[in-house]
């Protein structure tokens, strides 16, 4: 075997080894890439599931029974009148605190309560309270056909009833109800982050506390 032939074989062997080394390196690179993608996918899945879980927890209604004197108030209404809590002494009242203007589900909630025959026959008055001017909220009421005058709060009543920051906005009420019995005592509260509760379910909650 000549030196020239040996040199060719050596060169071929070295080239083969280099090719194998390159192939192994490429396989390792692809394997690392697949592992990285799997880890990223797992991390994203965990993050998404965590966000979904957090949202579901936040959307769960909270409620409870109470037996404290209801804070008094006197508020102007969208009808130009003034309504005081004391006007309803001797009758049960449900205060409906909500985000007001721009919250379609909030206005739709009141429209559905008005349409519910059982609620209307119950003798329980629902007083919707918002932190808006009449000019801001009236177009929403007209759009949804709501007839009940809204009480216009500067924030002091919403704060007194502990409703501020219970929804999506820190400085506004959430979507909550407070039951006050005929003697002016708070008997129940319910917060609904989903922004709606069926009138029949609300009526049931209220009637069981009277």
N, C-alpha and C. Protein backbone atom coordinates (compact mmCIF):
# COMPACT_ATOMS: atom_id res chain seq x y z
N UNK A 1 0.86 -1.18 0.00
CA UNK A 1 0.00 0.00 0.00
C UNK A 1 0.90 1.24 0.00
N UNK A 2 0.64 2.13 -0.91
CA UNK A 2 1.50 3.30 -1.03
C UNK A 2 1.13 4.33 0.01
N UNK A 3 2.05 5.23 0.22
CA UNK A 3 1.82 6.31 1.19
C UNK A 3 0.66 7.18 0.75
N UNK A 4 0.51 7.28 -0.57
CA UNK A 4 -0.59 8.13 -1.11
C UNK A 4 -1.94 7.52 -0.79
N UNK A 5 -2.02 6.17 -0.95
CA UNK A 5 -3.29 5.48 -0.66
C UNK A 5 -3.62 5.57 0.83
N UNK A 6 -2.61 5.37 1.66
CA UNK A 6 -2.80 5.47 3.11
C UNK A 6 -3.29 6.85 3.51
N UNK A 7 -2.73 7.85 2.89
CA UNK A 7 -3.12 9.23 3.18
C UNK A 7 -4.57 9.47 2.82
N UNK A 8 -5.00 8.89 1.67
CA UNK A 8 -6.39 9.06 1.23
C UNK A 8 -7.35 8.39 2.22
N UNK A 9 -6.95 7.15 2.63
CA UNK A 9 -7.81 6.44 3.57
C UNK A 9 -7.89 7.18 4.91
N UNK A 10 -6.79 7.70 5.36
CA UNK A 10 -6.79 8.46 6.61
C UNK A 10 -7.68 9.69 6.51
N UNK A 11 -7.56 10.35 5.39
CA UNK A 11 -8.37 11.54 5.18
C UNK A 11 -9.86 11.19 5.13
N UNK A 12 -10.16 10.06 4.47
CA UNK A 12 -11.56 9.62 4.38
C UNK A 12 -12.10 9.25 5.76
N UNK A 13 -11.26 8.56 6.54
CA UNK A 13 -11.66 8.16 7.88
C UNK A 13 -11.90 9.39 8.75
N UNK A 14 -11.04 10.36 8.65
CA UNK A 14 -11.17 11.59 9.42
C UNK A 14 -12.44 12.34 9.02
N UNK A 15 -12.69 12.34 7.71
CA UNK A 15 -13.90 13.02 7.21
C UNK A 15 -15.15 12.32 7.73
N UNK A 16 -15.10 10.96 7.74
CA UNK A 16 -16.23 10.19 8.25
C UNK A 16 -16.47 10.48 9.72
N UNK A 17 -15.37 10.50 10.48
CA UNK A 17 -15.48 10.80 11.90
C UNK A 17 -16.03 12.21 12.13
N UNK A 18 -15.55 13.14 11.32
CA UNK A 18 -16.03 14.52 11.44
C UNK A 18 -17.52 14.60 11.13
N UNK A 19 -17.94 13.83 10.10
CA UNK A 19 -19.36 13.81 9.74
C UNK A 19 -20.20 13.23 10.88
N UNK A 20 -19.70 12.12 11.47
CA UNK A 20 -20.41 11.50 12.58
C UNK A 20 -20.49 12.45 13.78
N UNK A 21 -19.38 13.12 14.05
CA UNK A 21 -19.35 14.06 15.16
C UNK A 21 -20.35 15.20 14.93
N UNK A 22 -20.40 15.66 13.67
CA UNK A 22 -21.34 16.74 13.32
C UNK A 22 -22.78 16.25 13.46
N UNK A 23 -23.01 15.00 13.03
CA UNK A 23 -24.36 14.44 13.13
C UNK A 23 -24.78 14.30 14.59
N UNK A 24 -23.85 13.81 15.44
CA UNK A 24 -24.15 13.69 16.87
C UNK A 24 -24.44 15.06 17.49
N UNK A 25 -23.62 16.03 17.12
CA UNK A 25 -23.81 17.38 17.65
C UNK A 25 -25.18 17.93 17.23
N UNK A 26 -25.55 17.65 15.98
CA UNK A 26 -26.85 18.13 15.48
C UNK A 26 -28.00 17.42 16.20
N UNK A 27 -27.84 16.12 16.45
CA UNK A 27 -28.86 15.38 17.18
C UNK A 27 -29.01 15.90 18.60
N UNK A 28 -27.88 16.19 19.24
CA UNK A 28 -27.90 16.73 20.60
C UNK A 28 -28.55 18.11 20.62
N UNK A 29 -28.23 18.91 19.56
CA UNK A 29 -28.84 20.24 19.49
C UNK A 29 -30.35 20.15 19.33
N UNK A 30 -30.80 19.24 18.47
CA UNK A 30 -32.23 19.05 18.27
C UNK A 30 -32.91 18.52 19.53
N UNK A 31 -32.22 17.62 20.23
CA UNK A 31 -32.77 17.08 21.47
C UNK A 31 -32.91 18.18 22.52
N UNK A 32 -31.88 19.04 22.62
CA UNK A 32 -31.95 20.16 23.56
C UNK A 32 -33.09 21.10 23.19
N UNK A 33 -33.24 21.32 21.88
CA UNK A 33 -34.30 22.19 21.41
C UNK A 33 -35.67 21.62 21.77
N UNK A 34 -35.85 20.30 21.58
CA UNK A 34 -37.12 19.66 21.92
C UNK A 34 -37.39 19.74 23.42
N UNK A 35 -36.32 19.51 24.24
CA UNK A 35 -36.48 19.60 25.68
C UNK A 35 -36.88 21.00 26.11
N UNK A 36 -36.23 21.99 25.48
CA UNK A 36 -36.54 23.38 25.80
C UNK A 36 -37.98 23.71 25.44
N UNK A 37 -38.43 23.24 24.27
CA UNK A 37 -39.81 23.49 23.86
C UNK A 37 -40.80 22.84 24.81
N UNK A 38 -40.47 21.60 25.25
CA UNK A 38 -41.35 20.93 26.19
C UNK A 38 -41.45 21.69 27.51
N UNK A 39 -40.28 22.17 27.98
CA UNK A 39 -40.26 22.91 29.24
C UNK A 39 -41.05 24.21 29.13
N UNK A 40 -40.86 24.89 27.98
CA UNK A 40 -41.59 26.15 27.76
C UNK A 40 -43.09 25.87 27.69
N UNK A 41 -43.47 24.79 26.99
CA UNK A 41 -44.88 24.42 26.88
C UNK A 41 -45.47 24.11 28.25
N UNK A 42 -44.71 23.35 29.05
CA UNK A 42 -45.18 23.01 30.40
C UNK A 42 -45.34 24.27 31.25
N UNK A 43 -44.33 25.17 31.16
CA UNK A 43 -44.38 26.40 31.95
C UNK A 43 -45.58 27.27 31.54
N UNK A 44 -45.81 27.37 30.23
CA UNK A 44 -46.95 28.17 29.75
C UNK A 44 -48.27 27.55 30.18
N UNK A 45 -48.34 26.22 30.11
CA UNK A 45 -49.56 25.53 30.52
C UNK A 45 -49.86 25.76 31.99
N UNK A 46 -48.80 25.65 32.81
CA UNK A 46 -48.97 25.89 34.25
C UNK A 46 -49.43 27.32 34.50
N UNK A 47 -48.81 28.29 33.77
CA UNK A 47 -49.17 29.69 33.95
C UNK A 47 -50.62 29.94 33.55
N UNK A 48 -51.03 29.37 32.41
CA UNK A 48 -52.41 29.55 31.95
C UNK A 48 -53.40 28.93 32.93
N UNK A 49 -53.10 27.72 33.39
CA UNK A 49 -53.98 27.06 34.36
C UNK A 49 -54.06 27.87 35.65
N UNK A 50 -52.93 28.46 36.04
CA UNK A 50 -52.94 29.29 37.24
C UNK A 50 -53.82 30.51 37.07
N UNK A 51 -53.73 31.15 35.90
CA UNK A 51 -54.56 32.32 35.63
C UNK A 51 -56.04 31.94 35.58
N UNK A 52 -56.34 30.80 34.96
CA UNK A 52 -57.73 30.34 34.90
C UNK A 52 -58.24 30.06 36.30
N UNK A 53 -57.41 29.39 37.10
CA UNK A 53 -57.81 29.09 38.47
C UNK A 53 -58.04 30.36 39.28
N UNK A 54 -57.14 31.34 39.10
CA UNK A 54 -57.29 32.61 39.81
C UNK A 54 -58.57 33.31 39.40
N UNK A 55 -58.86 33.31 38.08
CA UNK A 55 -60.08 33.95 37.58
C UNK A 55 -61.32 33.26 38.12
N UNK A 56 -61.27 31.93 38.18
CA UNK A 56 -62.43 31.19 38.69
C UNK A 56 -62.67 31.49 40.17
N UNK A 57 -61.56 31.58 40.91
CA UNK A 57 -61.69 31.90 42.33
C UNK A 57 -62.27 33.30 42.51
N UNK A 58 -61.77 34.24 41.69
CA UNK A 58 -62.25 35.61 41.78
C UNK A 58 -63.72 35.71 41.38
N UNK A 59 -64.17 34.81 40.49
CA UNK A 59 -65.54 34.88 39.99
C UNK A 59 -66.54 34.18 40.90
N UNK A 60 -66.06 33.52 41.94
CA UNK A 60 -66.96 32.81 42.84
C UNK A 60 -67.71 33.83 43.71
N UNK A 61 -69.03 33.75 43.76
CA UNK A 61 -69.80 34.68 44.60
C UNK A 61 -69.45 34.50 46.08
N UNK A 62 -69.50 35.60 46.81
CA UNK A 62 -69.30 35.55 48.25
C UNK A 62 -70.53 36.17 48.92
N UNK A 63 -70.94 35.59 50.03
CA UNK A 63 -72.11 36.12 50.71
C UNK A 63 -72.03 35.74 52.18
N UNK A 64 -72.90 36.38 52.97
CA UNK A 64 -72.91 36.06 54.38
C UNK A 64 -74.05 36.75 55.10
N UNK A 65 -74.38 36.23 56.25
CA UNK A 65 -75.44 36.82 57.07
C UNK A 65 -74.82 37.84 58.02
N UNK A 66 -75.57 38.89 58.31
CA UNK A 66 -75.12 39.91 59.25
C UNK A 66 -76.29 40.29 60.16
N UNK A 67 -75.99 41.09 61.16
CA UNK A 67 -77.04 41.57 62.06
C UNK A 67 -76.64 42.92 62.63
N UNK A 68 -76.18 43.81 61.72
CA UNK A 68 -75.73 45.13 62.14
C UNK A 68 -76.71 46.19 61.63
N UNK A 69 -76.76 47.29 62.32
CA UNK A 69 -77.62 48.40 61.90
C UNK A 69 -77.13 48.92 60.55
N UNK A 70 -78.06 49.13 59.64
CA UNK A 70 -77.70 49.62 58.31
C UNK A 70 -77.39 51.11 58.36
N UNK A 71 -76.27 51.55 57.78
CA UNK A 71 -75.96 52.99 57.75
C UNK A 71 -77.05 53.75 56.99
N UNK A 72 -77.48 54.86 57.56
CA UNK A 72 -78.49 55.67 56.90
C UNK A 72 -77.92 56.45 55.73
N UNK A 73 -78.77 56.87 54.83
CA UNK A 73 -78.33 57.69 53.70
C UNK A 73 -79.52 58.44 53.12
N UNK A 74 -79.23 59.53 52.42
CA UNK A 74 -80.21 60.28 51.64
C UNK A 74 -79.51 60.63 50.33
N UNK A 75 -80.04 60.12 49.22
CA UNK A 75 -79.39 60.29 47.94
C UNK A 75 -80.36 60.82 46.89
N UNK A 76 -79.83 61.68 46.01
CA UNK A 76 -80.60 62.13 44.86
C UNK A 76 -80.77 60.96 43.90
N UNK A 77 -81.84 61.01 43.10
CA UNK A 77 -82.09 59.95 42.14
C UNK A 77 -82.12 60.49 40.72
N UNK A 78 -82.13 59.56 39.77
CA UNK A 78 -82.21 59.96 38.36
C UNK A 78 -83.56 60.58 38.04
N UNK A 79 -84.53 60.42 38.92
CA UNK A 79 -85.86 61.02 38.71
C UNK A 79 -85.93 62.43 39.30
N UNK A 80 -84.84 62.89 39.91
CA UNK A 80 -84.82 64.23 40.48
C UNK A 80 -85.34 64.30 41.89
N UNK A 81 -85.65 63.17 42.49
CA UNK A 81 -86.14 63.13 43.87
C UNK A 81 -85.00 62.78 44.82
N UNK A 82 -85.30 62.75 46.10
CA UNK A 82 -84.33 62.32 47.11
C UNK A 82 -84.90 61.11 47.84
N UNK A 83 -84.10 60.08 47.97
CA UNK A 83 -84.52 58.85 48.66
C UNK A 83 -83.65 58.65 49.89
N UNK A 84 -84.31 58.40 51.02
CA UNK A 84 -83.60 58.09 52.26
C UNK A 84 -83.91 56.66 52.68
N UNK A 85 -82.96 56.02 53.33
CA UNK A 85 -83.20 54.66 53.81
C UNK A 85 -84.38 54.64 54.78
N UNK A 86 -84.50 55.71 55.56
CA UNK A 86 -85.58 55.76 56.55
C UNK A 86 -86.97 55.76 55.91
N UNK A 87 -87.03 56.11 54.62
CA UNK A 87 -88.32 56.07 53.92
C UNK A 87 -88.90 54.67 53.87
N UNK A 88 -88.03 53.68 54.01
CA UNK A 88 -88.46 52.28 53.84
C UNK A 88 -88.54 51.52 55.16
N UNK A 89 -88.52 52.25 56.27
CA UNK A 89 -88.65 51.58 57.55
C UNK A 89 -90.02 50.89 57.61
N UNK A 90 -90.01 49.63 58.00
CA UNK A 90 -91.24 48.84 58.01
C UNK A 90 -91.36 47.93 56.81
N UNK A 91 -90.41 48.07 55.84
CA UNK A 91 -90.44 47.23 54.64
C UNK A 91 -89.01 46.75 54.33
N UNK A 92 -88.86 45.53 53.84
CA UNK A 92 -87.53 45.07 53.47
C UNK A 92 -87.03 45.74 52.19
N UNK A 93 -85.75 46.00 52.17
CA UNK A 93 -85.12 46.68 51.03
C UNK A 93 -83.84 45.93 50.64
N UNK A 94 -83.60 45.85 49.34
CA UNK A 94 -82.33 45.32 48.84
C UNK A 94 -81.60 46.45 48.14
N UNK A 95 -80.41 46.77 48.62
CA UNK A 95 -79.56 47.76 47.96
C UNK A 95 -78.72 47.04 46.90
N UNK A 96 -78.76 47.57 45.70
CA UNK A 96 -78.00 46.97 44.60
C UNK A 96 -76.88 47.91 44.19
N UNK A 97 -75.68 47.64 44.70
CA UNK A 97 -74.50 48.43 44.36
C UNK A 97 -73.87 47.86 43.09
N UNK A 98 -73.57 48.74 42.13
CA UNK A 98 -72.96 48.25 40.88
C UNK A 98 -72.08 49.32 40.24
N UNK A 99 -71.38 48.93 39.21
CA UNK A 99 -70.41 49.82 38.57
C UNK A 99 -71.05 50.97 37.80
N UNK A 100 -72.31 50.79 37.42
CA UNK A 100 -73.03 51.90 36.79
C UNK A 100 -72.76 52.08 35.32
N UNK A 101 -72.63 53.32 34.90
CA UNK A 101 -72.53 53.67 33.48
C UNK A 101 -71.43 52.89 32.78
N UNK A 102 -71.78 52.34 31.63
CA UNK A 102 -70.81 51.59 30.84
C UNK A 102 -70.76 50.11 31.16
N UNK A 103 -71.42 49.70 32.24
CA UNK A 103 -71.45 48.28 32.61
C UNK A 103 -72.77 47.69 32.14
N UNK A 104 -72.75 47.09 30.97
CA UNK A 104 -73.98 46.57 30.37
C UNK A 104 -74.64 45.51 31.24
N UNK A 105 -73.83 44.60 31.78
CA UNK A 105 -74.40 43.53 32.60
C UNK A 105 -75.03 44.07 33.88
N UNK A 106 -74.49 45.19 34.38
CA UNK A 106 -75.05 45.79 35.60
C UNK A 106 -76.47 46.30 35.33
N UNK A 107 -76.63 46.99 34.21
CA UNK A 107 -77.95 47.53 33.87
C UNK A 107 -78.91 46.41 33.48
N UNK A 108 -78.38 45.41 32.77
CA UNK A 108 -79.21 44.25 32.39
C UNK A 108 -79.71 43.53 33.63
N UNK A 109 -78.89 43.50 34.68
CA UNK A 109 -79.31 42.86 35.94
C UNK A 109 -80.58 43.52 36.48
N UNK A 110 -80.59 44.84 36.52
CA UNK A 110 -81.76 45.54 37.04
C UNK A 110 -82.97 45.34 36.14
N UNK A 111 -82.74 45.32 34.83
CA UNK A 111 -83.84 45.09 33.89
C UNK A 111 -84.47 43.72 34.12
N UNK A 112 -83.66 42.71 34.40
CA UNK A 112 -84.18 41.36 34.63
C UNK A 112 -84.93 41.27 35.96
N UNK A 113 -84.45 42.00 36.95
CA UNK A 113 -85.15 42.02 38.24
C UNK A 113 -86.54 42.63 38.06
N UNK A 114 -86.60 43.70 37.28
CA UNK A 114 -87.90 44.34 37.03
C UNK A 114 -88.87 43.42 36.29
N UNK A 115 -88.34 42.57 35.43
CA UNK A 115 -89.19 41.67 34.64
C UNK A 115 -89.66 40.46 35.43
N UNK A 116 -89.01 40.17 36.56
CA UNK A 116 -89.31 38.96 37.32
C UNK A 116 -90.60 39.14 38.12
N UNK A 117 -91.63 38.42 37.76
CA UNK A 117 -92.95 38.56 38.39
C UNK A 117 -92.90 38.23 39.88
N UNK A 118 -92.16 37.19 40.25
CA UNK A 118 -92.07 36.78 41.65
C UNK A 118 -91.42 37.88 42.49
N UNK A 119 -90.39 38.50 41.93
CA UNK A 119 -89.72 39.58 42.65
C UNK A 119 -90.68 40.75 42.85
N UNK A 120 -91.42 41.08 41.82
CA UNK A 120 -92.35 42.20 41.91
C UNK A 120 -93.47 41.92 42.91
N UNK A 121 -93.83 40.66 43.04
CA UNK A 121 -94.92 40.29 43.96
C UNK A 121 -94.44 40.09 45.40
N UNK A 122 -93.14 40.12 45.61
CA UNK A 122 -92.57 39.79 46.93
C UNK A 122 -92.72 40.91 47.95
N UNK A 123 -92.93 42.13 47.48
CA UNK A 123 -93.00 43.26 48.40
C UNK A 123 -91.63 43.77 48.82
N UNK A 124 -90.57 43.27 48.16
CA UNK A 124 -89.20 43.70 48.48
C UNK A 124 -88.77 44.75 47.46
N UNK A 125 -88.36 45.91 47.95
CA UNK A 125 -87.92 46.99 47.08
C UNK A 125 -86.43 46.87 46.79
N UNK A 126 -86.06 47.01 45.52
CA UNK A 126 -84.66 47.01 45.14
C UNK A 126 -84.25 48.45 44.80
N UNK A 127 -83.23 48.95 45.47
CA UNK A 127 -82.73 50.29 45.23
C UNK A 127 -81.34 50.22 44.60
N UNK A 128 -81.22 50.49 43.30
CA UNK A 128 -79.91 50.47 42.65
C UNK A 128 -79.12 51.74 42.97
N UNK A 129 -77.87 51.57 43.34
CA UNK A 129 -77.01 52.69 43.74
C UNK A 129 -75.75 52.69 42.88
N UNK A 130 -75.48 53.85 42.26
CA UNK A 130 -74.30 53.96 41.39
C UNK A 130 -73.53 55.24 41.71
N UNK A 131 -72.27 55.26 41.38
CA UNK A 131 -71.44 56.45 41.55
C UNK A 131 -71.34 57.20 40.22
N UNK A 132 -72.49 57.67 39.76
CA UNK A 132 -72.58 58.40 38.50
C UNK A 132 -73.45 59.63 38.68
N UNK A 133 -73.39 60.52 37.68
CA UNK A 133 -74.38 61.58 37.59
C UNK A 133 -75.57 61.03 36.80
N UNK A 134 -76.68 61.74 36.87
CA UNK A 134 -77.86 61.31 36.11
C UNK A 134 -77.54 61.31 34.62
N UNK A 135 -76.79 62.30 34.17
CA UNK A 135 -76.45 62.39 32.74
C UNK A 135 -75.64 61.19 32.28
N UNK A 136 -74.85 60.65 33.16
CA UNK A 136 -74.01 59.50 32.80
C UNK A 136 -74.80 58.20 32.73
N UNK A 137 -75.71 57.98 33.68
CA UNK A 137 -76.36 56.68 33.79
C UNK A 137 -77.69 56.58 33.05
N UNK A 138 -78.39 57.68 32.86
CA UNK A 138 -79.72 57.62 32.23
C UNK A 138 -79.70 56.99 30.84
N UNK A 139 -78.73 57.29 29.97
CA UNK A 139 -78.73 56.63 28.65
C UNK A 139 -78.69 55.11 28.75
N UNK A 140 -77.97 54.57 29.73
CA UNK A 140 -77.92 53.12 29.93
C UNK A 140 -79.29 52.58 30.34
N UNK A 141 -79.96 53.31 31.22
CA UNK A 141 -81.28 52.88 31.69
C UNK A 141 -82.28 52.90 30.53
N UNK A 142 -82.19 53.91 29.70
CA UNK A 142 -83.09 54.00 28.55
C UNK A 142 -82.82 52.87 27.56
N UNK A 143 -81.55 52.55 27.36
CA UNK A 143 -81.19 51.49 26.42
C UNK A 143 -81.77 50.15 26.84
N UNK A 144 -81.78 49.87 28.15
CA UNK A 144 -82.25 48.57 28.63
C UNK A 144 -83.70 48.62 29.15
N UNK A 145 -84.33 49.76 29.04
CA UNK A 145 -85.72 49.87 29.45
C UNK A 145 -85.93 49.79 30.95
N UNK A 146 -84.93 50.20 31.73
CA UNK A 146 -85.05 50.16 33.19
C UNK A 146 -85.89 51.35 33.66
N UNK A 147 -86.89 51.08 34.47
CA UNK A 147 -87.81 52.12 34.94
C UNK A 147 -87.48 52.60 36.36
N UNK A 148 -86.83 51.77 37.14
CA UNK A 148 -86.52 52.12 38.53
C UNK A 148 -85.53 53.27 38.59
N UNK A 149 -85.84 54.35 39.33
CA UNK A 149 -84.86 55.43 39.48
C UNK A 149 -83.60 54.92 40.18
N UNK A 150 -82.46 55.36 39.70
CA UNK A 150 -81.18 55.00 40.32
C UNK A 150 -80.80 56.05 41.34
N UNK A 151 -80.22 55.58 42.45
CA UNK A 151 -79.72 56.49 43.48
C UNK A 151 -78.28 56.87 43.13
N UNK A 152 -77.98 58.16 43.21
CA UNK A 152 -76.69 58.70 42.77
C UNK A 152 -75.80 58.97 43.97
N UNK A 153 -74.75 58.20 44.09
CA UNK A 153 -73.88 58.22 45.27
C UNK A 153 -72.57 58.93 44.95
N UNK A 154 -72.08 59.72 45.90
CA UNK A 154 -70.77 60.36 45.72
C UNK A 154 -69.64 59.44 46.20
N UNK A 155 -70.00 58.26 46.62
CA UNK A 155 -69.02 57.29 47.11
C UNK A 155 -69.13 57.03 48.60
N UNK A 156 -69.74 57.95 49.33
CA UNK A 156 -69.81 57.79 50.79
C UNK A 156 -70.71 56.63 51.21
N UNK A 157 -71.82 56.44 50.50
CA UNK A 157 -72.73 55.33 50.85
C UNK A 157 -72.10 53.99 50.47
N UNK A 158 -71.51 53.95 49.29
CA UNK A 158 -70.85 52.72 48.85
C UNK A 158 -69.73 52.34 49.82
N UNK A 159 -69.01 53.35 50.31
CA UNK A 159 -67.94 53.10 51.28
C UNK A 159 -68.51 52.62 52.61
N UNK A 160 -69.61 53.24 53.05
CA UNK A 160 -70.21 52.87 54.34
C UNK A 160 -70.69 51.42 54.34
N UNK A 161 -71.07 50.93 53.17
CA UNK A 161 -71.55 49.55 53.07
C UNK A 161 -70.44 48.58 52.64
N UNK A 162 -69.21 49.07 52.56
CA UNK A 162 -68.07 48.20 52.28
C UNK A 162 -68.04 47.61 50.89
N UNK A 163 -68.60 48.32 49.92
CA UNK A 163 -68.67 47.75 48.57
C UNK A 163 -67.58 48.24 47.62
N UNK A 164 -66.85 49.27 48.01
CA UNK A 164 -65.81 49.79 47.12
C UNK A 164 -64.69 48.78 46.94
N UNK A 165 -64.25 48.64 45.69
CA UNK A 165 -63.14 47.74 45.41
C UNK A 165 -63.48 46.27 45.44
N UNK A 166 -64.76 45.92 45.48
CA UNK A 166 -65.15 44.51 45.52
C UNK A 166 -65.33 43.93 44.12
N UNK A 167 -65.17 44.78 43.10
CA UNK A 167 -65.29 44.32 41.72
C UNK A 167 -63.99 44.48 40.97
N UNK A 168 -64.07 44.92 39.74
CA UNK A 168 -62.88 45.06 38.90
C UNK A 168 -62.16 46.38 39.08
N UNK A 169 -62.82 47.35 39.73
CA UNK A 169 -62.23 48.69 39.86
C UNK A 169 -62.14 49.07 41.33
N UNK A 170 -60.97 49.52 41.72
CA UNK A 170 -60.70 49.79 43.13
C UNK A 170 -61.62 50.86 43.70
N UNK A 171 -61.89 51.91 42.93
CA UNK A 171 -62.66 53.02 43.46
C UNK A 171 -64.15 52.94 43.21
N UNK A 172 -64.64 51.80 42.74
CA UNK A 172 -66.06 51.64 42.44
C UNK A 172 -66.62 50.42 43.16
N UNK A 173 -67.94 50.38 43.35
CA UNK A 173 -68.55 49.16 43.91
C UNK A 173 -68.39 48.02 42.91
N UNK A 174 -68.54 46.80 43.41
CA UNK A 174 -68.54 45.65 42.51
C UNK A 174 -69.95 45.39 42.02
N UNK A 175 -70.40 44.18 42.16
CA UNK A 175 -71.77 43.80 41.74
C UNK A 175 -72.37 43.12 42.96
N UNK A 176 -72.91 43.95 43.86
CA UNK A 176 -73.30 43.39 45.15
C UNK A 176 -74.66 43.84 45.63
N UNK A 177 -75.20 43.05 46.55
CA UNK A 177 -76.52 43.31 47.12
C UNK A 177 -76.44 43.29 48.64
N UNK A 178 -77.24 44.14 49.27
CA UNK A 178 -77.33 44.16 50.73
C UNK A 178 -78.81 44.15 51.09
N UNK A 179 -79.21 43.19 51.91
CA UNK A 179 -80.58 43.10 52.38
C UNK A 179 -80.73 43.82 53.71
N UNK A 180 -81.70 44.72 53.77
CA UNK A 180 -82.02 45.42 55.01
C UNK A 180 -83.46 45.09 55.38
N UNK A 181 -83.66 44.61 56.59
CA UNK A 181 -85.01 44.19 56.96
C UNK A 181 -85.88 45.39 57.36
N UNK A 182 -87.10 45.13 57.73
CA UNK A 182 -88.07 46.19 58.03
C UNK A 182 -87.67 47.04 59.22
N UNK A 183 -86.76 46.51 60.05
CA UNK A 183 -86.30 47.24 61.23
C UNK A 183 -85.01 48.01 60.99
N UNK A 184 -84.54 48.02 59.76
CA UNK A 184 -83.31 48.75 59.44
C UNK A 184 -82.04 48.01 59.79
N UNK A 185 -82.12 46.68 59.83
CA UNK A 185 -80.95 45.86 60.17
C UNK A 185 -80.45 45.13 58.92
N UNK A 186 -79.14 45.20 58.69
CA UNK A 186 -78.55 44.44 57.59
C UNK A 186 -78.62 42.96 57.91
N UNK A 187 -79.22 42.19 57.03
CA UNK A 187 -79.39 40.76 57.28
C UNK A 187 -78.52 39.88 56.37
N UNK A 188 -78.13 40.43 55.22
CA UNK A 188 -77.38 39.59 54.26
C UNK A 188 -76.67 40.48 53.25
N UNK A 189 -75.53 40.00 52.77
CA UNK A 189 -74.85 40.65 51.66
C UNK A 189 -74.40 39.58 50.68
N UNK A 190 -74.32 39.94 49.42
CA UNK A 190 -73.84 39.02 48.40
C UNK A 190 -73.09 39.77 47.32
N UNK A 191 -71.89 39.31 47.00
CA UNK A 191 -71.08 39.90 45.93
C UNK A 191 -70.96 38.90 44.79
N UNK A 192 -71.17 39.36 43.56
CA UNK A 192 -71.19 38.48 42.40
C UNK A 192 -70.22 38.99 41.32
N UNK A 193 -68.96 38.55 41.40
CA UNK A 193 -67.95 38.99 40.42
C UNK A 193 -68.28 38.61 38.98
N UNK A 194 -69.15 37.62 38.79
CA UNK A 194 -69.56 37.24 37.43
C UNK A 194 -70.44 38.31 36.81
N UNK A 195 -70.85 39.29 37.60
CA UNK A 195 -71.63 40.45 37.16
C UNK A 195 -73.08 40.14 36.85
N UNK A 196 -73.59 39.01 37.35
CA UNK A 196 -75.00 38.71 37.16
C UNK A 196 -75.41 37.60 38.10
N UNK A 197 -76.64 37.72 38.60
CA UNK A 197 -77.25 36.64 39.38
C UNK A 197 -78.70 36.56 38.93
N UNK A 198 -79.19 35.37 38.71
CA UNK A 198 -80.57 35.19 38.28
C UNK A 198 -81.50 35.78 39.34
N UNK A 199 -82.48 36.57 38.94
CA UNK A 199 -83.41 37.16 39.92
C UNK A 199 -84.04 36.13 40.84
N UNK A 200 -84.37 34.95 40.31
CA UNK A 200 -84.97 33.91 41.15
C UNK A 200 -84.01 33.48 42.25
N UNK A 201 -82.71 33.36 41.92
CA UNK A 201 -81.71 32.98 42.93
C UNK A 201 -81.53 34.08 43.96
N UNK A 202 -81.53 35.32 43.49
CA UNK A 202 -81.39 36.46 44.41
C UNK A 202 -82.58 36.51 45.36
N UNK A 203 -83.76 36.35 44.82
CA UNK A 203 -84.98 36.39 45.65
C UNK A 203 -84.95 35.28 46.70
N UNK A 204 -84.50 34.11 46.32
CA UNK A 204 -84.42 33.00 47.26
C UNK A 204 -83.46 33.31 48.41
N UNK A 205 -82.30 33.88 48.05
CA UNK A 205 -81.31 34.25 49.07
C UNK A 205 -81.92 35.25 50.06
N UNK A 206 -82.61 36.22 49.51
CA UNK A 206 -83.18 37.28 50.34
C UNK A 206 -84.31 36.76 51.23
N UNK A 207 -85.22 36.01 50.66
CA UNK A 207 -86.38 35.56 51.43
C UNK A 207 -86.02 34.62 52.56
N UNK A 208 -84.93 33.87 52.40
CA UNK A 208 -84.54 32.96 53.47
C UNK A 208 -84.00 33.70 54.70
N UNK A 209 -83.68 35.00 54.52
CA UNK A 209 -83.16 35.80 55.65
C UNK A 209 -84.21 36.70 56.29
N UNK A 210 -85.41 36.67 55.80
CA UNK A 210 -86.46 37.52 56.36
C UNK A 210 -87.38 36.74 57.28
